[in-house]
Structures are given as structure tokens and as C-alpha cells.
Amino acid sequence: STHSDLVYRVNWLKAKARWSRWQEELTLVRHEMGWTINWFKYHQKEWNRRWQQATRPGHQAFAYQQVMMWGRFAQEAEKAFNQCGFVP
């Protein structure tokens, strides 16, 4: 009947729209994963530069600690994202 065809078509269109939104969200999340890793690596490089330029022992120690922390963040994020099957 015409009514059931219309209901079927509306439901199909709704399902297609949900699938399209999900695909878009998946693409965004993959990009965000890559951006997150790049953000951590950027900070690691910045602190590495500061560490190399530091002249006082306390400044060197703090900067080195930051280098290690941001590097660990990057490694852990890459590991976690790879385990999820999302390779940015």
C-alpha cells in the first residue's frame, strides 16, 4: 500500500541520515586523535628547546621533566588510539 511504502521510505531516509552523521563523526574523531598526538608532540619539542637553552639547574630539571611528560602523553595517546583500531 502507499502508506506503508511512505513509512518505509521515511524510515530508510532517517536511517541513511543517521549513518551519514555517524560517518562524519567518525572522520572528525579520527582527525581529533591526530591533532591530540600532534599537540603533545609540539609541547614536547617546545620543552626540549627550553631544556637545551636553560642555564640554571632548576630550570633544566623542570624543562626535562616537561619533555618527558609530554612525550609520555604522545606515546600513550598513540598506543591507546592504535588499540582502538583508529590510526590517526
PDB file of N, CA and C in Angstrom:
ATOM      1  N   SER A   1       0.837  -1.193   0.000  1.00  0.00           N
ATOM      2  CA  SER A   1       0.000   0.000   0.000  1.00  0.00           C
ATOM      3  C   SER A   1       0.875   1.248   0.000  1.00  0.00           C
ATOM      4  N   THR A   2       0.283   2.345  -0.372  1.00  0.00           N
ATOM      5  CA  THR A   2       1.013   3.604  -0.496  1.00  0.00           C
ATOM      6  C   THR A   2       1.482   4.109   0.862  1.00  0.00           C
ATOM      7  N   HIS A   3       0.651   3.956   1.878  1.00  0.00           N
ATOM      8  CA  HIS A   3       1.019   4.420   3.218  1.00  0.00           C
ATOM      9  C   HIS A   3       2.224   3.649   3.761  1.00  0.00           C
ATOM     10  N   SER A   4       2.211   2.344   3.617  1.00  0.00           N
ATOM     11  CA  SER A   4       3.338   1.561   4.140  1.00  0.00           C
ATOM     12  C   SER A   4       4.620   1.842   3.334  1.00  0.00           C
ATOM     13  N   ASP A   5       4.485   2.103   2.039  1.00  0.00           N
ATOM     14  CA  ASP A   5       5.655   2.477   1.233  1.00  0.00           C
ATOM     15  C   ASP A   5       6.245   3.791   1.731  1.00  0.00           C
ATOM     16  N   LEU A   6       5.371   4.727   2.045  1.00  0.00           N
ATOM     17  CA  LEU A   6       5.823   6.024   2.545  1.00  0.00           C
ATOM     18  C   LEU A   6       6.534   5.865   3.892  1.00  0.00           C
ATOM     19  N   VAL A   7       5.975   5.055   4.778  1.00  0.00           N
ATOM     20  CA  VAL A   7       6.590   4.812   6.086  1.00  0.00           C
ATOM     21  C   VAL A   7       7.954   4.156   5.892  1.00  0.00           C
ATOM     22  N   TYR A   8       8.026   3.196   4.994  1.00  0.00           N
ATOM     23  CA  TYR A   8       9.284   2.516   4.722  1.00  0.00           C
ATOM     24  C   TYR A   8      10.331   3.509   4.205  1.00  0.00           C
ATOM     25  N   ARG A   9       9.933   4.364   3.282  1.00  0.00           N
ATOM     26  CA  ARG A   9      10.861   5.343   2.709  1.00  0.00           C
ATOM     27  C   ARG A   9      11.349   6.334   3.758  1.00  0.00           C
ATOM     28  N   VAL A  10      10.435   6.810   4.606  1.00  0.00           N
ATOM     29  CA  VAL A  10      10.807   7.764   5.658  1.00  0.00           C
ATOM     30  C   VAL A  10      11.802   7.108   6.613  1.00  0.00           C
ATOM     31  N   ASN A  11      11.525   5.880   7.020  1.00  0.00           N
ATOM     32  CA  ASN A  11      12.436   5.173   7.921  1.00  0.00           C
ATOM     33  C   ASN A  11      13.790   4.937   7.262  1.00  0.00           C
ATOM     34  N   TRP A  12      13.771   4.614   5.969  1.00  0.00           N
ATOM     35  CA  TRP A  12      15.030   4.400   5.259  1.00  0.00           C
ATOM     36  C   TRP A  12      15.843   5.692   5.215  1.00  0.00           C
ATOM     37  N   LEU A  13      15.180   6.812   4.933  1.00  0.00           N
ATOM     38  CA  LEU A  13      15.864   8.104   4.880  1.00  0.00           C
ATOM     39  C   LEU A  13      16.422   8.496   6.248  1.00  0.00           C
ATOM     40  N   LYS A  14      15.660   8.219   7.309  1.00  0.00           N
ATOM     41  CA  LYS A  14      16.154   8.511   8.657  1.00  0.00           C
ATOM     42  C   LYS A  14      17.389   7.672   8.970  1.00  0.00           C
ATOM     43  N   ALA A  15      17.345   6.406   8.614  1.00  0.00           N
ATOM     44  CA  ALA A  15      18.495   5.522   8.863  1.00  0.00           C
ATOM     45  C   ALA A  15      19.706   5.980   8.054  1.00  0.00           C
ATOM     46  N   LYS A  16      19.483   6.387   6.821  1.00  0.00           N
ATOM     47  CA  LYS A  16      20.590   6.874   5.982  1.00  0.00           C
ATOM     48  C   LYS A  16      21.188   8.143   6.575  1.00  0.00           C
ATOM     49  N   ALA A  17      20.358   9.035   7.094  1.00  0.00           N
ATOM     50  CA  ALA A  17      20.845  10.273   7.711  1.00  0.00           C
ATOM     51  C   ALA A  17      21.657   9.954   8.970  1.00  0.00           C
ATOM     52  N   ARG A  18      21.187   8.989   9.777  1.00  0.00           N
ATOM     53  CA  ARG A  18      21.943   8.589  10.976  1.00  0.00           C
ATOM     54  C   ARG A  18      23.304   8.017  10.588  1.00  0.00           C
ATOM     55  N   TRP A  19      23.309   7.176   9.556  1.00  0.00           N
ATOM     56  CA  TRP A  19      24.565   6.576   9.098  1.00  0.00           C
ATOM     57  C   TRP A  19      25.526   7.655   8.608  1.00  0.00           C
ATOM     58  N   SER A  20      25.018   8.632   7.872  1.00  0.00           N
ATOM     59  CA  SER A  20      25.860   9.723   7.368  1.00  0.00           C
ATOM     60  C   SER A  20      26.429  10.550   8.512  1.00  0.00           C
ATOM     61  N   ARG A  21      25.610  10.836   9.524  1.00  0.00           N
ATOM     62  CA  ARG A  21      26.100  11.586  10.687  1.00  0.00           C
ATOM     63  C   ARG A  21      27.161  10.789  11.420  1.00  0.00           C
ATOM     64  N   TRP A  22      26.963   9.492  11.539  1.00  0.00           N
ATOM     65  CA  TRP A  22      27.943   8.643  12.214  1.00  0.00           C
ATOM     66  C   TRP A  22      29.270   8.635  11.447  1.00  0.00           C
ATOM     67  N   GLN A  23      29.208   8.532  10.138  1.00  0.00           N
ATOM     68  CA  GLN A  23      30.425   8.550   9.322  1.00  0.00           C
ATOM     69  C   GLN A  23      31.168   9.876   9.494  1.00  0.00           C
ATOM     70  N   GLU A  24      30.423  10.973   9.513  1.00  0.00           N
ATOM     71  CA  GLU A  24      31.045  12.282   9.697  1.00  0.00           C
ATOM     72  C   GLU A  24      31.698  12.380  11.075  1.00  0.00           C
ATOM     73  N   GLU A  25      31.007  11.902  12.096  1.00  0.00           N
ATOM     74  CA  GLU A  25      31.550  11.926  13.456  1.00  0.00           C
ATOM     75  C   GLU A  25      32.816  11.077  13.551  1.00  0.00           C
ATOM     76  N   LEU A  26      32.805   9.931  12.911  1.00  0.00           N
ATOM     77  CA  LEU A  26      33.966   9.049  12.913  1.00  0.00           C
ATOM     78  C   LEU A  26      35.170   9.735  12.261  1.00  0.00           C
ATOM     79  N   THR A  27      34.932  10.418  11.166  1.00  0.00           N
ATOM     80  CA  THR A  27      36.000  11.163  10.497  1.00  0.00           C
ATOM     81  C   THR A  27      36.555  12.244  11.416  1.00  0.00           C
ATOM     82  N   LEU A  28      35.665  12.976  12.075  1.00  0.00           N
ATOM     83  CA  LEU A  28      36.106  14.036  12.983  1.00  0.00           C
ATOM     84  C   LEU A  28      36.916  13.472  14.146  1.00  0.00           C
ATOM     85  N   VAL A  29      36.472  12.378  14.720  1.00  0.00           N
ATOM     86  CA  VAL A  29      37.177  11.786  15.858  1.00  0.00           C
ATOM     87  C   VAL A  29      38.572  11.319  15.438  1.00  0.00           C
ATOM     88  N   ARG A  30      38.675  10.733  14.261  1.00  0.00           N
ATOM     89  CA  ARG A  30      40.000  10.312  13.775  1.00  0.00           C
ATOM     90  C   ARG A  30      40.938  11.513  13.631  1.00  0.00           C
ATOM     91  N   HIS A  31      40.421  12.601  13.100  1.00  0.00           N
ATOM     92  CA  HIS A  31      41.237  13.809  12.969  1.00  0.00           C
ATOM     93  C   HIS A  31      41.608  14.358  14.346  1.00  0.00           C
ATOM     94  N   GLU A  32      40.662  14.347  15.265  1.00  0.00           N
ATOM     95  CA  GLU A  32      40.938  14.848  16.611  1.00  0.00           C
ATOM     96  C   GLU A  32      42.013  14.013  17.300  1.00  0.00           C
ATOM     97  N   MET A  33      42.039  12.721  17.029  1.00  0.00           N
ATOM     98  CA  MET A  33      43.082  11.871  17.594  1.00  0.00           C
ATOM     99  C   MET A  33      44.456  12.304  17.071  1.00  0.00           C
ATOM    100  N   GLY A  34      44.541  12.535  15.787  1.00  0.00           N
ATOM    101  CA  GLY A  34      45.795  13.002  15.208  1.00  0.00           C
ATOM    102  C   GLY A  34      46.195  14.358  15.747  1.00  0.00           C
ATOM    103  N   TRP A  35      45.228  15.266  15.898  1.00  0.00           N
ATOM    104  CA  TRP A  35      45.515  16.597  16.424  1.00  0.00           C
ATOM    105  C   TRP A  35      46.016  16.503  17.861  1.00  0.00           C
ATOM    106  N   THR A  36      45.433  15.591  18.634  1.00  0.00           N
ATOM    107  CA  THR A  36      45.845  15.421  20.024  1.00  0.00           C
ATOM    108  C   THR A  36      47.300  14.971  20.106  1.00  0.00           C
ATOM    109  N   ILE A  37      47.646  13.972  19.317  1.00  0.00           N
ATOM    110  CA  ILE A  37      49.029  13.488  19.305  1.00  0.00           C
ATOM    111  C   ILE A  37      49.972  14.597  18.860  1.00  0.00           C
ATOM    112  N   ASN A  38      49.598  15.329  17.829  1.00  0.00           N
ATOM    113  CA  ASN A  38      50.443  16.443  17.351  1.00  0.00           C
ATOM    114  C   ASN A  38      50.595  17.526  18.412  1.00  0.00           C
ATOM    115  N   TRP A  39      49.547  17.787  19.174  1.00  0.00           N
ATOM    116  CA  TRP A  39      49.591  18.781  20.248  1.00  0.00           C
ATOM    117  C   TRP A  39      50.603  18.354  21.312  1.00  0.00           C
ATOM    118  N   PHE A  40      50.559  17.082  21.696  1.00  0.00           N
ATOM    119  CA  PHE A  40      51.506  16.578  22.688  1.00  0.00           C
ATOM    120  C   PHE A  40      52.940  16.650  22.167  1.00  0.00           C
ATOM    121  N   LYS A  41      53.147  16.270  20.912  1.00  0.00           N
ATOM    122  CA  LYS A  41      54.490  16.310  20.330  1.00  0.00           C
ATOM    123  C   LYS A  41      55.000  17.740  20.204  1.00  0.00           C
ATOM    124  N   TYR A  42      54.117  18.662  19.881  1.00  0.00           N
ATOM    125  CA  TYR A  42      54.505  20.075  19.800  1.00  0.00           C
ATOM    126  C   TYR A  42      55.037  20.550  21.155  1.00  0.00           C
ATOM    127  N   HIS A  43      54.295  20.236  22.216  1.00  0.00           N
ATOM    128  CA  HIS A  43      54.730  20.652  23.547  1.00  0.00           C
ATOM    129  C   HIS A  43      56.035  19.969  23.948  1.00  0.00           C
ATOM    130  N   GLN A  44      56.202  18.728  23.574  1.00  0.00           N
ATOM    131  CA  GLN A  44      57.457  18.031  23.858  1.00  0.00           C
ATOM    132  C   GLN A  44      58.627  18.752  23.178  1.00  0.00           C
ATOM    133  N   LYS A  45      58.454  19.128  21.927  1.00  0.00           N
ATOM    134  CA  LYS A  45      59.520  19.827  21.198  1.00  0.00           C
ATOM    135  C   LYS A  45      59.801  21.200  21.811  1.00  0.00           C
ATOM    136  N   GLU A  46      58.748  21.903  22.194  1.00  0.00           N
ATOM    137  CA  GLU A  46      58.929  23.220  22.811  1.00  0.00           C
ATOM    138  C   GLU A  46      59.707  23.114  24.113  1.00  0.00           C
ATOM    139  N   TRP A  47      59.338  22.151  24.943  1.00  0.00           N
ATOM    140  CA  TRP A  47      60.049  21.985  26.215  1.00  0.00           C
ATOM    141  C   TRP A  47      61.465  21.457  25.993  1.00  0.00           C
ATOM    142  N   ASN A  48      61.660  20.682  24.957  1.00  0.00           N
ATOM    143  CA  ASN A  48      63.017  20.226  24.637  1.00  0.00           C
ATOM    144  C   ASN A  48      63.901  21.426  24.256  1.00  0.00           C
ATOM    145  N   ARG A  49      63.340  22.344  23.497  1.00  0.00           N
ATOM    146  CA  ARG A  49      64.072  23.563  23.140  1.00  0.00           C
ATOM    147  C   ARG A  49      64.412  24.365  24.396  1.00  0.00           C
ATOM    148  N   ARG A  50      63.443  24.503  25.295  1.00  0.00           N
ATOM    149  CA  ARG A  50      63.669  25.247  26.536  1.00  0.00           C
ATOM    150  C   ARG A  50      64.709  24.545  27.411  1.00  0.00           C
ATOM    151  N   TRP A  51      64.662  23.225  27.415  1.00  0.00           N
ATOM    152  CA  TRP A  51      65.622  22.444  28.202  1.00  0.00           C
ATOM    153  C   TRP A  51      67.033  22.694  27.689  1.00  0.00           C
ATOM    154  N   GLN A  52      67.186  22.679  26.373  1.00  0.00           N
ATOM    155  CA  GLN A  52      68.513  22.896  25.785  1.00  0.00           C
ATOM    156  C   GLN A  52      69.021  24.315  26.016  1.00  0.00           C
ATOM    157  N   GLN A  53      68.124  25.262  26.141  1.00  0.00           N
ATOM    158  CA  GLN A  53      68.520  26.656  26.333  1.00  0.00           C
ATOM    159  C   GLN A  53      68.677  27.033  27.804  1.00  0.00           C
ATOM    160  N   ALA A  54      68.153  26.199  28.696  1.00  0.00           N
ATOM    161  CA  ALA A  54      68.198  26.531  30.122  1.00  0.00           C
ATOM    162  C   ALA A  54      69.636  26.552  30.627  1.00  0.00           C
ATOM    163  N   THR A  55      69.908  27.506  31.502  1.00  0.00           N
ATOM    164  CA  THR A  55      71.270  27.650  32.037  1.00  0.00           C
ATOM    165  C   THR A  55      71.334  27.316  33.525  1.00  0.00           C
ATOM    166  N   ARG A  56      70.209  27.299  34.191  1.00  0.00           N
ATOM    167  CA  ARG A  56      70.200  27.023  35.625  1.00  0.00           C
ATOM    168  C   ARG A  56      69.731  25.588  35.865  1.00  0.00           C
ATOM    169  N   PRO A  57      70.323  24.914  36.828  1.00  0.00           N
ATOM    170  CA  PRO A  57      69.982  23.509  37.074  1.00  0.00           C
ATOM    171  C   PRO A  57      68.493  23.285  37.359  1.00  0.00           C
ATOM    172  N   GLY A  58      67.885  24.165  38.114  1.00  0.00           N
ATOM    173  CA  GLY A  58      66.460  24.015  38.420  1.00  0.00           C
ATOM    174  C   GLY A  58      65.594  24.137  37.175  1.00  0.00           C
ATOM    175  N   HIS A  59      65.951  25.083  36.324  1.00  0.00           N
ATOM    176  CA  HIS A  59      65.211  25.275  35.075  1.00  0.00           C
ATOM    177  C   HIS A  59      65.395  24.068  34.153  1.00  0.00           C
ATOM    178  N   GLN A  60      66.628  23.563  34.115  1.00  0.00           N
ATOM    179  CA  GLN A  60      66.903  22.386  33.287  1.00  0.00           C
ATOM    180  C   GLN A  60      66.101  21.182  33.779  1.00  0.00           C
ATOM    181  N   ALA A  61      66.069  20.994  35.084  1.00  0.00           N
ATOM    182  CA  ALA A  61      65.356  19.850  35.655  1.00  0.00           C
ATOM    183  C   ALA A  61      63.857  19.936  35.349  1.00  0.00           C
ATOM    184  N   PHE A  62      63.290  21.138  35.531  1.00  0.00           N
ATOM    185  CA  PHE A  62      61.865  21.305  35.267  1.00  0.00           C
ATOM    186  C   PHE A  62      61.556  21.098  33.789  1.00  0.00           C
ATOM    187  N   ALA A  63      62.361  21.685  32.925  1.00  0.00           N
ATOM    188  CA  ALA A  63      62.134  21.555  31.482  1.00  0.00           C
ATOM    189  C   ALA A  63      62.252  20.093  31.046  1.00  0.00           C
ATOM    190  N   TYR A  64      63.248  19.384  31.581  1.00  0.00           N
ATOM    191  CA  TYR A  64      63.415  17.970  31.230  1.00  0.00           C
ATOM    192  C   TYR A  64      62.206  17.157  31.681  1.00  0.00           C
ATOM    193  N   GLN A  65      61.708  17.471  32.857  1.00  0.00           N
ATOM    194  CA  GLN A  65      60.512  16.796  33.364  1.00  0.00           C
ATOM    195  C   GLN A  65      59.327  17.019  32.409  1.00  0.00           C
ATOM    196  N   GLN A  66      59.207  18.226  31.903  1.00  0.00           N
ATOM    197  CA  GLN A  66      58.135  18.546  30.958  1.00  0.00           C
ATOM    198  C   GLN A  66      58.325  17.792  29.633  1.00  0.00           C
ATOM    199  N   VAL A  67      59.564  17.708  29.164  1.00  0.00           N
ATOM    200  CA  VAL A  67      59.850  16.958  27.930  1.00  0.00           C
ATOM    201  C   VAL A  67      59.376  15.521  28.085  1.00  0.00           C
ATOM    202  N   MET A  68      59.730  14.921  29.211  1.00  0.00           N
ATOM    203  CA  MET A  68      59.362  13.522  29.443  1.00  0.00           C
ATOM    204  C   MET A  68      57.849  13.356  29.574  1.00  0.00           C
ATOM    205  N   MET A  69      57.196  14.285  30.253  1.00  0.00           N
ATOM    206  CA  MET A  69      55.747  14.203  30.452  1.00  0.00           C
ATOM    207  C   MET A  69      54.998  14.289  29.123  1.00  0.00           C
ATOM    208  N   TRP A  70      55.338  15.296  28.302  1.00  0.00           N
ATOM    209  CA  TRP A  70      54.639  15.466  27.023  1.00  0.00           C
ATOM    210  C   TRP A  70      54.944  14.309  26.076  1.00  0.00           C
ATOM    211  N   GLY A  71      56.151  13.793  26.130  1.00  0.00           N
ATOM    212  CA  GLY A  71      56.489  12.627  25.314  1.00  0.00           C
ATOM    213  C   GLY A  71      55.693  11.404  25.726  1.00  0.00           C
ATOM    214  N   ARG A  72      55.526  11.235  27.035  1.00  0.00           N
ATOM    215  CA  ARG A  72      54.730  10.115  27.539  1.00  0.00           C
ATOM    216  C   ARG A  72      53.262  10.262  27.101  1.00  0.00           C
ATOM    217  N   PHE A  73      52.755  11.483  27.185  1.00  0.00           N
ATOM    218  CA  PHE A  73      51.382  11.718  26.715  1.00  0.00           C
ATOM    219  C   PHE A  73      51.224  11.298  25.256  1.00  0.00           C
ATOM    220  N   ALA A  74      52.181  11.690  24.419  1.00  0.00           N
ATOM    221  CA  ALA A  74      52.114  11.362  22.988  1.00  0.00           C
ATOM    222  C   ALA A  74      52.169   9.852  22.781  1.00  0.00           C
ATOM    223  N   GLN A  75      53.082   9.185  23.474  1.00  0.00           N
ATOM    224  CA  GLN A  75      53.204   7.729  23.323  1.00  0.00           C
ATOM    225  C   GLN A  75      51.951   7.008  23.788  1.00  0.00           C
ATOM    226  N   GLU A  76      51.426   7.416  24.932  1.00  0.00           N
ATOM    227  CA  GLU A  76      50.231   6.763  25.466  1.00  0.00           C
ATOM    228  C   GLU A  76      49.020   7.005  24.577  1.00  0.00           C
ATOM    229  N   ALA A  77      48.918   8.202  24.027  1.00  0.00           N
ATOM    230  CA  ALA A  77      47.791   8.502  23.131  1.00  0.00           C
ATOM    231  C   ALA A  77      47.891   7.655  21.864  1.00  0.00           C
ATOM    232  N   GLU A  78      49.089   7.573  21.281  1.00  0.00           N
ATOM    233  CA  GLU A  78      49.263   6.752  20.077  1.00  0.00           C
ATOM    234  C   GLU A  78      48.936   5.295  20.359  1.00  0.00           C
ATOM    235  N   LYS A  79      49.396   4.804  21.485  1.00  0.00           N
ATOM    236  CA  LYS A  79      49.137   3.410  21.858  1.00  0.00           C
ATOM    237  C   LYS A  79      47.636   3.172  22.038  1.00  0.00           C
ATOM    238  N   ALA A  80      46.975   4.054  22.778  1.00  0.00           N
ATOM    239  CA  ALA A  80      45.549   3.900  23.028  1.00  0.00           C
ATOM    240  C   ALA A  80      44.739   3.980  21.731  1.00  0.00           C
ATOM    241  N   PHE A  81      45.084   4.937  20.865  1.00  0.00           N
ATOM    242  CA  PHE A  81      44.339   5.091  19.620  1.00  0.00           C
ATOM    243  C   PHE A  81      44.560   3.896  18.703  1.00  0.00           C
ATOM    244  N   ASN A  82      45.783   3.359  18.684  1.00  0.00           N
ATOM    245  CA  ASN A  82      46.053   2.174  17.868  1.00  0.00           C
ATOM    246  C   ASN A  82      45.315   0.953  18.389  1.00  0.00           C
ATOM    247  N   GLN A  83      45.218   0.823  19.705  1.00  0.00           N
ATOM    248  CA  GLN A  83      44.489  -0.307  20.295  1.00  0.00           C
ATOM    249  C   GLN A  83      42.998  -0.249  19.957  1.00  0.00           C
ATOM    250  N   CYS A  84      42.481   0.935  19.795  1.00  0.00           N
ATOM    251  CA  CYS A  84      41.064   1.106  19.419  1.00  0.00           C
ATOM    252  C   CYS A  84      40.828   0.807  17.944  1.00  0.00           C
ATOM    253  N   GLY A  85      41.922   0.706  17.200  1.00  0.00           N
ATOM    254  CA  GLY A  85      41.784   0.483  15.770  1.00  0.00           C
ATOM    255  C   GLY A  85      41.686   1.769  14.981  1.00  0.00           C
ATOM    256  N   PHE A  86      41.846   2.899  15.659  1.00  0.00           N
ATOM    257  CA  PHE A  86      41.784   4.199  14.988  1.00  0.00           C
ATOM    258  C   PHE A  86      43.199   4.719  14.863  1.00  0.00           C
ATOM    259  N   VAL A  87      43.773   4.554  13.712  1.00  0.00           N
ATOM    260  CA  VAL A  87      45.139   5.037  13.491  1.00  0.00           C
ATOM    261  C   VAL A  87      45.030   6.407  12.851  1.00  0.00           C
ATOM    262  N   PRO A  88      45.411   7.463  13.599  1.00  0.00           N
ATOM    263  CA  PRO A  88      45.295   8.817  13.030  1.00  0.00           C
ATOM    264  C   PRO A  88      46.343   9.068  11.956  1.00  0.00           C
TER     265      PRO A  88
END
